[in-house]
């Protein structure tokens, strides 16, 4: 098997040495070089032709975000960001994912060497996953929003429909595309995106600024309402719970499921129990199979289920796993997902969306 060639870009000599040593532990990875700044990295990319780049954010001469934008505009390739676990680092990391970075690896704030060594397997897996990603040229112009005429023929009449969405690798950008086009009176949406704590609130806040719906990190016990999107907090499972006529967010600290916390399977299974045929299940780009079994239960219960199609996925892993076991009713391009979700919420006869 041909090893994945990795270039490390970080201004810290210690970090370059540490990342190089840890990644080289895996025989399927070859660290072909390391660079202290983007200017040297640019030359090394031309010479070494790496498959994956690990990229720091804060660097002299040119910051990581500026360099990432140049990479994704001129020579797209899989990039894994290496970011500190701070509020500022979270903002920059979400920005990087929106620019086209495949994934990120959070640097611990204290005892960095031991903290990273303890998570070496996670780092190695992220790099190997990134090598399989389908990266695209960064568009210089914002994506055209959903034609308002598509929504003008759809009205909302009740409080029954719930949309549950799961995503992982590549999901930050995919969710931005889906959520920013939702109308202000959209059915309620619950989202599980694989992401650690401290990053999910930042992610929700950024989506809230560009969306007509209200987007927030989910809180335990809060009522689930139309026109709102609830993001599962990192490190907690998000469940849909029904109390009488009301839907509620339920957060739990249970063990990881399918290797994840939050887990898409947990969200989908709870949505199946609470909403059944009144649910819409959506699985977006991501590595692995989290959400496949839960989506199958949704479909068996009579819910409409949709998976992002292979061509538009950064990583066609989770949607593929769900599709292969018969959980996905229809595969849909990312730019059609919002319209598809809303149409599915409507009655076939009168196209009224029931929320």
Protein backbone atom coordinates (compact mmCIF):
# COMPACT_ATOMS: atom_id res chain seq x y z
CA UNK A 1 0.00 0.00 0.00
CA UNK A 2 1.31 3.43 -0.95
CA UNK A 3 1.73 5.53 2.23
CA UNK A 4 -0.07 8.84 2.69
CA UNK A 5 2.48 11.63 2.18
CA UNK A 6 2.11 14.37 4.81
CA UNK A 7 3.61 17.85 5.04
CA UNK A 8 3.57 19.52 8.47
CA UNK A 9 3.30 23.32 8.60
CA UNK A 10 3.79 24.86 12.04
CA UNK A 11 5.95 27.71 13.35
CA UNK A 12 6.85 25.74 16.49
CA UNK A 13 9.90 23.51 16.08
CA UNK A 14 8.68 21.41 19.01
CA UNK A 15 5.28 20.93 17.41
CA UNK A 16 6.79 20.02 14.04
CA UNK A 17 9.00 17.44 15.72
CA UNK A 18 6.17 16.06 17.84
CA UNK A 19 3.66 15.79 14.99
CA UNK A 20 6.25 14.22 12.73
CA UNK A 21 7.20 11.59 15.33
CA UNK A 22 3.60 10.68 16.12
CA UNK A 23 2.44 10.42 12.52
CA UNK A 24 5.50 8.38 11.55
CA UNK A 25 4.44 5.69 14.02
CA UNK A 26 1.91 4.50 11.46
CA UNK A 27 3.52 2.65 8.53
CA UNK A 28 0.77 3.86 6.20
CA UNK A 29 1.87 7.50 6.72
CA UNK A 30 5.08 9.09 5.44
CA UNK A 31 6.01 12.54 6.73
CA UNK A 32 7.76 13.97 3.69
CA UNK A 33 8.70 17.29 5.29
CA UNK A 34 7.90 20.10 7.68
CA UNK A 35 7.85 23.86 7.21
CA UNK A 36 7.93 26.73 9.74
CA UNK A 37 5.76 29.06 7.64
CA UNK A 38 3.54 29.13 4.55
CA UNK A 39 6.25 30.58 2.30
CA UNK A 40 8.51 27.58 2.79
CA UNK A 41 5.50 25.29 2.71
CA UNK A 42 4.50 26.63 -0.70
CA UNK A 43 7.82 25.57 -2.20
CA UNK A 44 7.75 22.20 -0.46
CA UNK A 45 4.26 21.48 -1.77
CA UNK A 46 5.55 21.93 -5.32
CA UNK A 47 8.57 19.72 -4.69
CA UNK A 48 7.14 16.99 -2.46
CA UNK A 49 3.53 16.74 -3.71
CA UNK A 50 2.03 15.78 -0.34
CA UNK A 51 -1.34 14.05 -0.08
CA UNK A 52 -2.28 15.85 3.14
CA UNK A 53 -1.11 19.00 4.94
CA UNK A 54 -1.38 19.63 8.67
CA UNK A 55 -1.61 23.39 9.12
CA UNK A 56 -1.22 25.62 12.16
CA UNK A 57 -3.36 28.75 12.33
CA UNK A 58 -1.14 31.28 14.10
CA UNK A 59 2.14 31.69 12.20
CA UNK A 60 4.47 34.55 11.28
CA UNK A 61 4.62 36.16 7.83
CA UNK A 62 1.30 34.61 6.75
CA UNK A 63 -1.38 33.16 9.00
CA UNK A 64 -2.78 29.70 8.40
CA UNK A 65 -6.20 30.91 7.25
CA UNK A 66 -4.73 33.11 4.53
CA UNK A 67 -2.53 30.25 3.36
CA UNK A 68 -5.45 27.82 3.44
CA UNK A 69 -7.50 30.15 1.25
CA UNK A 70 -4.66 30.28 -1.27
CA UNK A 71 -4.33 26.49 -1.24
CA UNK A 72 -8.04 25.87 -1.73
CA UNK A 73 -8.25 28.50 -4.48
CA UNK A 74 -5.13 27.59 -6.47
CA UNK A 75 -4.26 23.96 -5.63
CA UNK A 76 -6.97 22.25 -3.56
CA UNK A 77 -5.72 19.43 -1.34
CA UNK A 78 -6.77 17.84 1.95
CA UNK A 79 -5.80 20.00 4.93
CA UNK A 80 -6.10 19.15 8.63
CA UNK A 81 -5.97 22.25 10.82
CA UNK A 82 -4.09 22.14 14.13
CA UNK A 83 -5.79 24.58 16.48
CA UNK A 84 -5.64 25.54 20.15
CA UNK A 85 -8.60 24.82 22.43
CA UNK A 86 -9.49 28.46 22.98
CA UNK A 87 -12.41 30.64 21.97
CA UNK A 88 -10.19 32.42 19.46
CA UNK A 89 -8.91 29.09 18.20
CA UNK A 90 -12.46 27.79 17.83
CA UNK A 91 -13.51 30.80 15.74
CA UNK A 92 -10.50 30.40 13.47
CA UNK A 93 -11.00 26.66 13.14
CA UNK A 94 -14.65 26.99 12.10
CA UNK A 95 -13.57 29.61 9.59
CA UNK A 96 -10.96 27.16 8.26
CA UNK A 97 -13.54 24.41 7.83
CA UNK A 98 -15.76 26.83 5.91
CA UNK A 99 -12.80 27.62 3.65
CA UNK A 100 -12.38 23.95 2.82
CA UNK A 101 -10.20 22.31 5.48
CA UNK A 102 -11.22 18.67 5.81
CA UNK A 103 -10.82 18.35 9.58
CA UNK A 104 -9.05 19.76 12.61
CA UNK A 105 -7.03 18.49 15.54
CA UNK A 106 -7.32 20.58 18.72
CA UNK A 107 -4.09 21.39 20.54
CA UNK A 108 -4.39 21.07 24.32
CA UNK A 109 -3.71 24.27 26.25
CA UNK A 110 -1.68 22.60 29.04
CA UNK A 111 1.02 19.91 28.90
CA UNK A 112 0.87 19.94 25.10
CA UNK A 113 3.36 17.12 24.54
CA UNK A 114 1.56 14.61 26.77
CA UNK A 115 -1.88 15.79 25.63
CA UNK A 116 -1.08 15.21 21.97
CA UNK A 117 0.73 11.93 22.63
CA UNK A 118 -2.35 10.63 24.45
CA UNK A 119 -4.43 11.37 21.36
CA UNK A 120 -1.96 10.13 18.76
CA UNK A 121 -4.43 7.57 17.39
CA UNK A 122 -6.99 10.32 16.78
CA UNK A 123 -4.45 12.45 14.93
CA UNK A 124 -3.32 9.54 12.78
CA UNK A 125 -6.88 8.60 11.89
CA UNK A 126 -7.79 12.18 10.97
CA UNK A 127 -4.84 12.38 8.58
CA UNK A 128 -5.68 9.03 6.98
CA UNK A 129 -9.33 10.05 6.64
CA UNK A 130 -8.32 13.36 5.08
CA UNK A 131 -6.36 11.54 2.39
CA UNK A 132 -9.66 10.02 1.21
CA UNK A 133 -11.52 13.32 1.12
CA UNK A 134 -12.88 14.89 -2.04
CA UNK A 135 -11.71 18.51 -1.92
CA UNK A 136 -12.96 21.20 -4.24
CA UNK A 137 -11.75 24.56 -5.46
CA UNK A 138 -12.87 27.34 -3.15
CA UNK A 139 -15.53 29.50 -4.78
CA UNK A 140 -14.66 33.18 -4.70
CA UNK A 141 -18.32 34.16 -4.94
CA UNK A 142 -20.92 33.19 -2.33
CA UNK A 143 -23.27 30.37 -3.22
CA UNK A 144 -26.54 31.46 -4.77
CA UNK A 145 -29.25 31.19 -2.11
CA UNK A 146 -32.28 28.99 -2.65
CA UNK A 147 -34.74 30.62 -5.01
CA UNK A 148 -37.45 32.16 -2.85
CA UNK A 149 -40.08 31.00 -5.35
CA UNK A 150 -39.32 27.42 -4.29
CA UNK A 151 -40.53 28.27 -0.79
CA UNK A 152 -43.37 30.57 -1.71
CA UNK A 153 -45.69 27.68 -2.59
CA UNK A 154 -45.05 25.91 0.71
CA UNK A 155 -47.01 26.89 3.81
CA UNK A 156 -46.80 25.72 7.41
CA UNK A 157 -49.79 24.44 9.32
CA UNK A 158 -49.06 22.31 12.41
CA UNK A 159 -46.35 21.57 14.96
CA UNK A 160 -45.62 17.94 14.20
CA UNK A 161 -42.67 17.71 11.81
CA UNK A 162 -39.12 17.46 13.14
CA UNK A 163 -35.95 17.40 11.02
CA UNK A 164 -32.92 15.53 12.42
CA UNK A 165 -29.56 15.96 10.69
CA UNK A 166 -26.28 14.12 11.23
CA UNK A 167 -22.87 15.05 9.82
CA UNK A 168 -19.16 14.62 10.40
CA UNK A 169 -16.13 15.29 8.18
CA UNK A 170 -17.04 18.11 5.80
CA UNK A 171 -20.21 18.78 7.75
CA UNK A 172 -19.43 22.34 8.79
CA UNK A 173 -19.68 23.60 5.23
CA UNK A 174 -22.51 21.21 4.33
CA UNK A 175 -24.60 22.37 7.28
CA UNK A 176 -23.94 26.00 6.41
CA UNK A 177 -25.36 25.38 2.92
CA UNK A 178 -28.43 23.56 4.26
CA UNK A 179 -29.27 25.79 7.23
CA UNK A 180 -28.69 29.25 5.78
CA UNK A 181 -31.49 28.64 3.25
CA UNK A 182 -34.11 27.60 5.78
CA UNK A 183 -37.04 30.06 6.04
CA UNK A 184 -37.72 31.76 9.37
CA UNK A 185 -40.79 29.55 9.98
CA UNK A 186 -38.98 26.32 9.14
CA UNK A 187 -39.76 23.10 10.98
CA UNK A 188 -37.58 22.62 14.04
CA UNK A 189 -34.18 21.08 13.27
CA UNK A 190 -31.89 19.07 15.56
CA UNK A 191 -28.28 18.61 14.45
CA UNK A 192 -25.48 16.32 15.56
CA UNK A 193 -22.14 17.32 14.03
CA UNK A 194 -19.08 15.44 15.27
CA UNK A 195 -17.20 18.20 17.06
CA UNK A 196 -15.59 18.62 20.51
CA UNK A 197 -16.84 20.95 23.21
CA UNK A 198 -15.95 24.66 22.93
CA UNK A 199 -16.33 24.43 19.16
CA UNK A 200 -20.05 23.67 18.89
CA UNK A 201 -21.21 26.93 20.47
CA UNK A 202 -18.93 28.90 18.16
CA UNK A 203 -20.27 26.93 15.22
CA UNK A 204 -23.89 27.57 16.24
CA UNK A 205 -23.24 31.28 16.74
CA UNK A 206 -21.70 31.60 13.27
CA UNK A 207 -24.66 29.84 11.65
CA UNK A 208 -27.06 32.04 13.59
CA UNK A 209 -25.52 35.18 12.08
CA UNK A 210 -26.16 34.07 8.49
CA UNK A 211 -29.50 32.31 8.87
CA UNK A 212 -33.16 33.35 8.96
CA UNK A 213 -33.79 30.65 11.57
CA UNK A 214 -32.49 30.94 15.14
CA UNK A 215 -29.47 28.65 15.58
CA UNK A 216 -28.08 27.78 19.02
CA UNK A 217 -26.25 25.12 20.96
CA UNK A 218 -28.92 22.88 22.47
CA UNK A 219 -29.73 23.20 26.19
CA UNK A 220 -31.12 20.42 28.33
CA UNK A 221 -34.89 20.63 28.77
CA UNK A 222 -35.50 23.50 26.35
CA UNK A 223 -38.57 23.30 24.17
CA UNK A 224 -38.08 22.46 20.50
CA UNK A 225 -39.83 25.09 18.39
CA UNK A 226 -40.34 25.86 14.69
CA UNK A 227 -37.90 28.38 13.29
CA UNK A 228 -35.11 27.06 15.51
CA UNK A 229 -32.06 24.87 14.92
CA UNK A 230 -30.48 23.07 17.89
CA UNK A 231 -26.82 21.96 17.65
CA UNK A 232 -25.66 19.08 19.87
CA UNK A 233 -22.99 20.33 22.30
CA UNK A 234 -19.58 18.70 21.99
CA UNK A 235 -19.15 15.98 24.60
CA UNK A 236 -22.92 15.47 25.09
CA UNK A 237 -25.49 13.34 23.29
CA UNK A 238 -28.52 15.22 21.98
CA UNK A 239 -31.86 13.41 22.12
CA UNK A 240 -35.36 14.44 21.10
CA UNK A 241 -37.81 13.90 23.96
CA UNK A 242 -41.58 14.21 23.93
CA UNK A 243 -43.48 15.52 26.93
CA UNK A 244 -47.21 15.66 26.28
CA UNK A 245 -47.73 17.78 23.19
CA UNK A 246 -44.25 19.31 23.36
CA UNK A 247 -40.87 18.26 22.02
CA UNK A 248 -37.84 18.93 24.25
CA UNK A 249 -34.07 18.75 23.88
CA UNK A 250 -32.49 16.20 26.16
CA UNK A 251 -28.73 16.15 26.78
CA UNK A 252 -27.04 13.10 28.26
CA UNK A 253 -23.52 12.25 29.36
CA UNK A 254 -23.75 8.58 28.38
CA UNK A 255 -20.85 6.66 26.87
CA UNK A 256 -19.78 7.33 23.28
CA UNK A 257 -21.82 5.52 20.63
CA UNK A 258 -20.25 4.41 17.34
CA UNK A 259 -17.11 6.01 18.76
CA UNK A 260 -18.72 9.45 18.98
CA UNK A 261 -20.13 11.82 21.55
CA UNK A 262 -22.35 13.39 20.35
CA UNK A 263 -23.56 10.52 18.20
CA UNK A 264 -25.85 10.70 15.19
CA UNK A 265 -27.27 7.28 16.03
CA UNK A 266 -28.37 8.58 19.43
CA UNK A 267 -30.13 11.57 17.85
CA UNK A 268 -31.82 9.46 15.16
CA UNK A 269 -32.95 6.72 17.55
CA UNK A 270 -34.47 9.22 19.96
CA UNK A 271 -36.16 11.07 17.09
CA UNK A 272 -37.62 7.78 15.93
CA UNK A 273 -39.08 7.15 19.38
CA UNK A 274 -40.38 10.69 19.92
CA UNK A 275 -41.57 11.65 16.43
CA UNK A 276 -41.77 8.46 14.35
CA UNK A 277 -43.32 9.08 10.94
CA UNK A 278 -43.43 12.83 11.63
CA UNK A 279 -39.62 12.96 11.41
CA UNK A 280 -37.34 13.79 8.50
CA UNK A 281 -33.90 12.17 8.75
CA UNK A 282 -30.92 13.62 6.88
CA UNK A 283 -27.37 12.28 6.85
CA UNK A 284 -24.62 14.43 5.39
CA UNK A 285 -20.95 14.00 4.55
CA UNK A 286 -18.78 12.19 7.08
CA UNK A 287 -16.32 9.39 7.74
CA UNK A 288 -17.56 6.12 9.23
CA UNK A 289 -21.06 4.78 9.75
CA UNK A 290 -22.50 6.71 12.69
CA UNK A 291 -26.17 7.36 12.01
CA UNK A 292 -26.75 4.49 9.58
CA UNK A 293 -28.55 2.19 12.02
CA UNK A 294 -30.52 5.05 13.57
CA UNK A 295 -31.65 6.24 10.14
CA UNK A 296 -32.77 2.72 9.29
CA UNK A 297 -34.99 2.77 12.37
CA UNK A 298 -36.40 6.12 11.26
CA UNK A 299 -37.27 4.75 7.85
CA UNK A 300 -38.87 1.64 9.33
CA UNK A 301 -41.03 3.95 11.46
CA UNK A 302 -42.31 5.72 8.35
CA UNK A 303 -40.05 8.79 8.44
CA UNK A 304 -38.68 10.31 5.24
CA UNK A 305 -34.91 9.77 5.00
CA UNK A 306 -32.34 11.46 2.77
CA UNK A 307 -28.60 11.06 2.30
CA UNK A 308 -26.17 13.45 0.66
CA UNK A 309 -25.06 12.06 -2.69
CA UNK A 310 -21.50 10.90 -3.33
CA UNK A 311 -20.54 13.64 -5.77
CA UNK A 312 -21.27 16.49 -3.34
CA UNK A 313 -19.77 14.79 -0.25
CA UNK A 314 -16.32 15.63 1.07
CA UNK A 315 -16.28 12.08 2.48
CA UNK A 316 -18.94 9.65 1.25
CA UNK A 317 -18.78 7.47 4.35
CA UNK A 318 -21.81 7.97 6.61
CA UNK A 319 -24.28 8.52 3.73
CA UNK A 320 -22.86 5.48 1.95
CA UNK A 321 -23.17 3.27 5.03
CA UNK A 322 -26.77 4.35 5.51
CA UNK A 323 -27.60 3.87 1.84
CA UNK A 324 -26.07 0.40 1.68
CA UNK A 325 -28.28 -0.94 4.48
CA UNK A 326 -31.42 0.54 2.96
CA UNK A 327 -31.79 3.42 5.43
CA UNK A 328 -31.69 6.18 2.81
CA UNK A 329 -34.87 6.65 0.79
CA UNK A 330 -33.31 9.15 -1.64
CA UNK A 331 -29.78 10.42 -2.29
CA UNK A 332 -29.74 14.17 -2.82
CA UNK A 333 -27.10 16.71 -3.98
CA UNK A 334 -26.13 19.12 -1.22
CA UNK A 335 -27.46 22.16 -3.07
CA UNK A 336 -30.90 20.52 -3.26
CA UNK A 337 -31.09 19.24 0.30
CA UNK A 338 -32.91 22.20 1.89
CA UNK A 339 -35.62 22.19 -0.76
CA UNK A 340 -35.92 18.40 -0.50
CA UNK A 341 -36.30 18.51 3.29
CA UNK A 342 -38.98 21.17 3.19
CA UNK A 343 -40.89 19.48 0.40
CA UNK A 344 -40.83 16.21 2.33
CA UNK A 345 -42.34 18.00 5.32
CA UNK A 346 -45.33 19.02 3.19
CA UNK A 347 -48.41 16.92 2.64
CA UNK A 348 -48.29 15.30 -0.77
CA UNK A 349 -51.74 16.62 -1.60
CA UNK A 350 -51.74 20.23 -0.50
CA UNK A 351 -47.98 20.79 0.03
CA UNK A 352 -48.59 22.17 3.50
CA UNK A 353 -45.58 21.70 5.70
CA UNK A 354 -46.52 20.37 9.11
CA UNK A 355 -44.21 21.70 11.77
